[in-house]
N, C-alpha and C. Protein backbone atom coordinates (compact mmCIF):
# COMPACT_ATOMS: atom_id res chain seq x y z
N UNK A 1 73.37 90.00 194.29
CA UNK A 1 74.63 89.91 195.01
C UNK A 1 74.78 91.16 195.87
N UNK A 2 75.18 90.94 197.08
CA UNK A 2 75.28 92.03 198.06
C UNK A 2 76.26 93.14 197.63
N UNK A 3 77.33 92.75 196.94
CA UNK A 3 78.33 93.72 196.47
C UNK A 3 77.68 94.79 195.59
N UNK A 4 76.86 94.36 194.64
CA UNK A 4 76.22 95.30 193.71
C UNK A 4 75.17 96.15 194.43
N UNK A 5 74.44 95.52 195.32
CA UNK A 5 73.43 96.27 196.09
C UNK A 5 74.10 97.35 196.95
N UNK A 6 75.20 97.01 197.59
CA UNK A 6 75.91 97.98 198.43
C UNK A 6 76.50 99.12 197.62
N UNK A 7 77.05 98.81 196.45
CA UNK A 7 77.60 99.87 195.60
C UNK A 7 76.52 100.80 195.08
N UNK A 8 75.40 100.23 194.67
CA UNK A 8 74.29 101.06 194.20
C UNK A 8 73.82 101.98 195.32
N UNK A 9 73.68 101.45 196.50
CA UNK A 9 73.25 102.24 197.65
C UNK A 9 74.26 103.34 197.98
N UNK A 10 75.55 102.99 197.95
CA UNK A 10 76.59 103.97 198.25
C UNK A 10 76.60 105.12 197.24
N UNK A 11 76.47 104.79 195.96
CA UNK A 11 76.47 105.84 194.94
C UNK A 11 75.22 106.71 195.04
N UNK A 12 74.09 106.11 195.37
CA UNK A 12 72.88 106.91 195.57
C UNK A 12 73.02 107.86 196.74
N UNK A 13 73.61 107.38 197.82
CA UNK A 13 73.84 108.24 198.99
C UNK A 13 74.84 109.35 198.69
N UNK A 14 75.85 109.04 197.88
CA UNK A 14 76.81 110.08 197.49
C UNK A 14 76.14 111.14 196.63
N UNK A 15 75.23 110.71 195.76
CA UNK A 15 74.50 111.67 194.92
C UNK A 15 73.68 112.61 195.80
N UNK A 16 73.01 112.07 196.78
CA UNK A 16 72.23 112.92 197.70
C UNK A 16 73.16 113.88 198.44
N UNK A 17 74.31 113.38 198.88
CA UNK A 17 75.27 114.24 199.58
C UNK A 17 75.79 115.35 198.67
N UNK A 18 75.88 115.11 197.37
CA UNK A 18 76.34 116.14 196.44
C UNK A 18 75.24 117.14 196.11
N UNK A 19 74.00 116.66 195.97
CA UNK A 19 72.92 117.54 195.52
C UNK A 19 72.40 118.46 196.63
N UNK A 20 72.42 118.00 197.87
CA UNK A 20 71.89 118.82 198.96
C UNK A 20 72.55 120.20 199.06
N UNK A 21 73.89 120.28 199.07
CA UNK A 21 74.50 121.62 199.18
C UNK A 21 74.26 122.51 197.96
N UNK A 22 73.92 121.90 196.82
CA UNK A 22 73.67 122.69 195.61
C UNK A 22 72.21 123.11 195.48
N UNK A 23 71.39 122.66 196.41
CA UNK A 23 69.97 122.99 196.38
C UNK A 23 69.75 124.35 197.02
N UNK A 24 69.09 125.27 196.30
CA UNK A 24 68.84 126.60 196.88
C UNK A 24 68.03 126.51 198.17
N UNK A 25 68.30 127.44 199.06
CA UNK A 25 67.62 127.43 200.35
C UNK A 25 66.87 128.74 200.57
N UNK A 26 65.59 128.63 200.81
CA UNK A 26 64.80 129.76 201.29
C UNK A 26 64.31 129.38 202.70
N UNK A 27 63.61 128.24 202.77
CA UNK A 27 63.15 127.76 204.07
C UNK A 27 63.90 126.50 204.50
N UNK A 28 64.58 125.83 203.56
CA UNK A 28 65.27 124.59 203.85
C UNK A 28 64.46 123.35 203.51
N UNK A 29 63.19 123.54 203.19
CA UNK A 29 62.32 122.40 202.89
C UNK A 29 62.80 121.65 201.66
N UNK A 30 63.13 122.36 200.59
CA UNK A 30 63.57 121.72 199.36
C UNK A 30 64.86 120.94 199.59
N UNK A 31 65.81 121.56 200.25
CA UNK A 31 67.10 120.91 200.51
C UNK A 31 66.92 119.64 201.36
N UNK A 32 66.03 119.68 202.31
CA UNK A 32 65.84 118.54 203.21
C UNK A 32 64.90 117.47 202.67
N UNK A 33 64.42 117.65 201.45
CA UNK A 33 63.45 116.70 200.88
C UNK A 33 64.07 115.71 199.90
N UNK A 34 65.39 115.66 199.82
CA UNK A 34 66.04 114.66 198.96
C UNK A 34 66.00 113.31 199.65
N UNK A 35 65.69 112.28 198.87
CA UNK A 35 65.59 110.92 199.40
C UNK A 35 65.87 109.93 198.27
N UNK A 36 65.86 108.66 198.62
CA UNK A 36 66.05 107.63 197.61
C UNK A 36 65.14 106.45 197.90
N UNK A 37 64.85 105.71 196.85
CA UNK A 37 64.10 104.48 197.02
C UNK A 37 65.06 103.38 197.44
N UNK A 38 64.57 102.28 197.96
CA UNK A 38 65.46 101.15 198.24
C UNK A 38 66.04 100.61 196.93
N UNK A 39 67.17 99.98 197.02
CA UNK A 39 67.80 99.37 195.84
C UNK A 39 66.93 98.20 195.37
N UNK A 40 66.70 98.15 194.07
CA UNK A 40 65.94 97.04 193.51
C UNK A 40 66.83 96.26 192.54
N UNK A 41 66.63 94.96 192.52
CA UNK A 41 67.37 94.09 191.62
C UNK A 41 66.49 93.80 190.41
N UNK A 42 67.02 94.13 189.23
CA UNK A 42 66.32 93.85 187.98
C UNK A 42 66.96 92.62 187.35
N UNK A 43 66.57 92.28 186.17
CA UNK A 43 67.08 91.07 185.51
C UNK A 43 68.61 91.05 185.45
N UNK A 44 69.21 92.16 185.06
CA UNK A 44 70.67 92.19 184.91
C UNK A 44 71.30 93.44 185.49
N UNK A 45 70.61 94.10 186.41
CA UNK A 45 71.16 95.31 187.01
C UNK A 45 70.51 95.59 188.36
N UNK A 46 71.09 96.56 189.05
CA UNK A 46 70.54 97.04 190.31
C UNK A 46 70.27 98.53 190.12
N UNK A 47 69.22 99.03 190.75
CA UNK A 47 68.91 100.45 190.59
C UNK A 47 68.24 101.01 191.83
N UNK A 48 68.28 102.32 191.91
CA UNK A 48 67.54 103.06 192.93
C UNK A 48 67.26 104.44 192.36
N UNK A 49 66.22 105.07 192.83
CA UNK A 49 65.87 106.41 192.38
C UNK A 49 66.20 107.41 193.46
N UNK A 50 66.83 108.50 193.05
CA UNK A 50 67.06 109.63 193.93
C UNK A 50 66.06 110.69 193.51
N UNK A 51 65.32 111.24 194.47
CA UNK A 51 64.25 112.17 194.13
C UNK A 51 64.09 113.23 195.22
N UNK A 52 63.34 114.26 194.85
CA UNK A 52 62.96 115.28 195.81
C UNK A 52 61.44 115.25 195.91
N UNK A 53 60.92 115.14 197.10
CA UNK A 53 59.48 114.96 197.30
C UNK A 53 58.68 116.26 197.20
N UNK A 54 59.35 117.38 197.08
CA UNK A 54 58.62 118.65 196.96
C UNK A 54 58.10 118.81 195.53
N UNK A 55 56.82 119.16 195.41
CA UNK A 55 56.19 119.28 194.10
C UNK A 55 56.88 120.30 193.20
N UNK A 56 57.46 121.33 193.77
CA UNK A 56 58.06 122.40 192.98
C UNK A 56 59.52 122.16 192.63
N UNK A 57 60.06 121.01 193.01
CA UNK A 57 61.48 120.75 192.77
C UNK A 57 61.82 120.74 191.28
N UNK A 58 60.93 120.26 190.44
CA UNK A 58 61.18 120.25 189.00
C UNK A 58 61.33 121.67 188.45
N UNK A 59 60.56 122.60 188.98
CA UNK A 59 60.64 123.99 188.51
C UNK A 59 61.97 124.62 188.90
N UNK A 60 62.46 124.26 190.07
CA UNK A 60 63.76 124.78 190.51
C UNK A 60 64.87 124.14 189.67
N UNK A 61 64.75 122.86 189.40
CA UNK A 61 65.78 122.14 188.62
C UNK A 61 65.83 122.61 187.16
N UNK A 62 64.67 122.67 186.50
CA UNK A 62 64.64 122.90 185.06
C UNK A 62 64.26 124.32 184.65
N UNK A 63 63.73 125.11 185.57
CA UNK A 63 63.28 126.46 185.24
C UNK A 63 61.77 126.49 185.03
N UNK A 64 61.23 127.71 184.91
CA UNK A 64 59.78 127.85 184.74
C UNK A 64 59.43 129.24 184.22
N UNK A 65 58.27 129.31 183.67
CA UNK A 65 57.74 130.60 183.21
C UNK A 65 57.20 131.36 184.41
N UNK A 66 57.18 132.68 184.26
CA UNK A 66 56.60 133.53 185.30
C UNK A 66 55.24 134.01 184.83
N UNK A 67 54.48 134.59 185.73
CA UNK A 67 53.13 135.06 185.42
C UNK A 67 53.15 136.11 184.30
N UNK A 68 54.18 136.96 184.28
CA UNK A 68 54.23 138.02 183.27
C UNK A 68 54.91 137.58 181.97
N UNK A 69 55.11 136.27 181.79
CA UNK A 69 55.68 135.76 180.55
C UNK A 69 57.19 135.63 180.54
N UNK A 70 57.82 135.94 181.63
CA UNK A 70 59.27 135.80 181.71
C UNK A 70 59.69 134.36 181.95
N UNK A 71 60.97 134.18 182.15
CA UNK A 71 61.51 132.85 182.38
C UNK A 71 62.52 132.89 183.52
N UNK A 72 62.40 131.96 184.44
CA UNK A 72 63.36 131.79 185.53
C UNK A 72 64.19 130.56 185.17
N UNK A 73 65.50 130.75 185.04
CA UNK A 73 66.39 129.64 184.71
C UNK A 73 66.42 128.62 185.85
N UNK A 74 66.54 127.37 185.49
CA UNK A 74 66.68 126.32 186.48
C UNK A 74 68.08 126.30 187.07
N UNK A 75 68.21 125.73 188.23
CA UNK A 75 69.53 125.65 188.87
C UNK A 75 70.29 124.40 188.44
N UNK A 76 69.59 123.39 187.93
CA UNK A 76 70.20 122.14 187.46
C UNK A 76 71.05 121.49 188.55
N UNK A 77 70.57 121.57 189.79
CA UNK A 77 71.33 121.04 190.92
C UNK A 77 71.53 119.54 190.83
N UNK A 78 70.51 118.80 190.39
CA UNK A 78 70.65 117.35 190.28
C UNK A 78 71.54 116.99 189.10
N UNK A 79 71.36 117.67 188.00
CA UNK A 79 72.20 117.42 186.82
C UNK A 79 73.67 117.68 187.13
N UNK A 80 73.97 118.78 187.81
CA UNK A 80 75.34 119.10 188.18
C UNK A 80 75.92 118.05 189.12
N UNK A 81 75.10 117.58 190.04
CA UNK A 81 75.55 116.57 191.00
C UNK A 81 75.82 115.24 190.30
N UNK A 82 74.96 114.87 189.35
CA UNK A 82 75.20 113.65 188.59
C UNK A 82 76.52 113.76 187.81
N UNK A 83 76.78 114.93 187.25
CA UNK A 83 78.03 115.13 186.52
C UNK A 83 79.24 115.06 187.44
N UNK A 84 79.09 115.50 188.68
CA UNK A 84 80.18 115.38 189.65
C UNK A 84 80.41 113.93 190.06
N UNK A 85 79.34 113.17 190.16
CA UNK A 85 79.42 111.77 190.59
C UNK A 85 80.00 110.87 189.51
N UNK A 86 79.75 111.20 188.26
CA UNK A 86 80.15 110.33 187.15
C UNK A 86 81.63 109.93 187.18
N UNK A 87 82.58 110.85 187.37
CA UNK A 87 83.98 110.40 187.40
C UNK A 87 84.37 109.70 188.71
N UNK A 88 83.61 109.91 189.76
CA UNK A 88 83.91 109.30 191.06
C UNK A 88 83.40 107.86 191.14
N UNK A 89 82.32 107.57 190.44
CA UNK A 89 81.65 106.27 190.56
C UNK A 89 82.57 105.09 190.24
N UNK A 90 83.29 105.09 189.12
CA UNK A 90 84.16 103.93 188.85
C UNK A 90 85.23 103.73 189.92
N UNK A 91 85.78 104.83 190.44
CA UNK A 91 86.81 104.73 191.47
C UNK A 91 86.23 104.16 192.76
N UNK A 92 85.01 104.55 193.07
CA UNK A 92 84.34 104.04 194.26
C UNK A 92 84.12 102.54 194.15
N UNK A 93 83.60 102.11 193.02
CA UNK A 93 83.33 100.68 192.81
C UNK A 93 84.64 99.90 192.82
N UNK A 94 85.66 100.43 192.17
CA UNK A 94 86.96 99.76 192.13
C UNK A 94 87.54 99.60 193.53
N UNK A 95 87.45 100.65 194.35
CA UNK A 95 87.94 100.56 195.72
C UNK A 95 87.19 99.52 196.53
N UNK A 96 85.88 99.47 196.35
CA UNK A 96 85.07 98.47 197.06
C UNK A 96 85.40 97.06 196.59
N UNK A 97 85.66 96.91 195.29
CA UNK A 97 86.03 95.59 194.76
C UNK A 97 87.39 95.16 195.30
N UNK A 98 88.33 96.09 195.36
CA UNK A 98 89.65 95.77 195.94
C UNK A 98 89.52 95.28 197.38
N UNK A 99 88.69 95.97 198.17
CA UNK A 99 88.50 95.56 199.57
C UNK A 99 87.85 94.16 199.64
N UNK A 100 86.89 93.91 198.75
CA UNK A 100 86.23 92.61 198.74
C UNK A 100 87.23 91.51 198.37
N UNK A 101 88.04 91.76 197.36
CA UNK A 101 89.01 90.75 196.93
C UNK A 101 90.07 90.48 197.99
N UNK A 102 90.44 91.50 198.75
CA UNK A 102 91.42 91.30 199.82
C UNK A 102 90.90 90.36 200.90
N UNK A 103 89.58 90.35 201.10
CA UNK A 103 89.02 89.44 202.10
C UNK A 103 88.99 88.00 201.61
N UNK A 104 89.04 87.82 200.27
CA UNK A 104 88.98 86.49 199.69
C UNK A 104 90.39 85.90 199.52
N UNK A 105 91.34 86.75 199.15
CA UNK A 105 92.71 86.26 198.88
C UNK A 105 93.66 86.65 199.95
């Protein structure tokens, strides 16, 4: 159903919009490498993946060891963005459903 596909796409785009400003910038490559897969329809759900194509993005997100045995904490930019999106998602879907129902009734 187009409604579910559009909502999935909108929430994925909102997640990218939230994560980009939280991504650390040295050259801008990491920040500009956020993308998403097309929405796919599964048996009883719709999904899409939001990802960063830079190989080192996981180290920035989760942290990493240093050569001398130290530890660099991760920034958790994607995790923080997902937490920001979580309370917004139901309101977004509800607003879209209201608009859809107004066109029917």
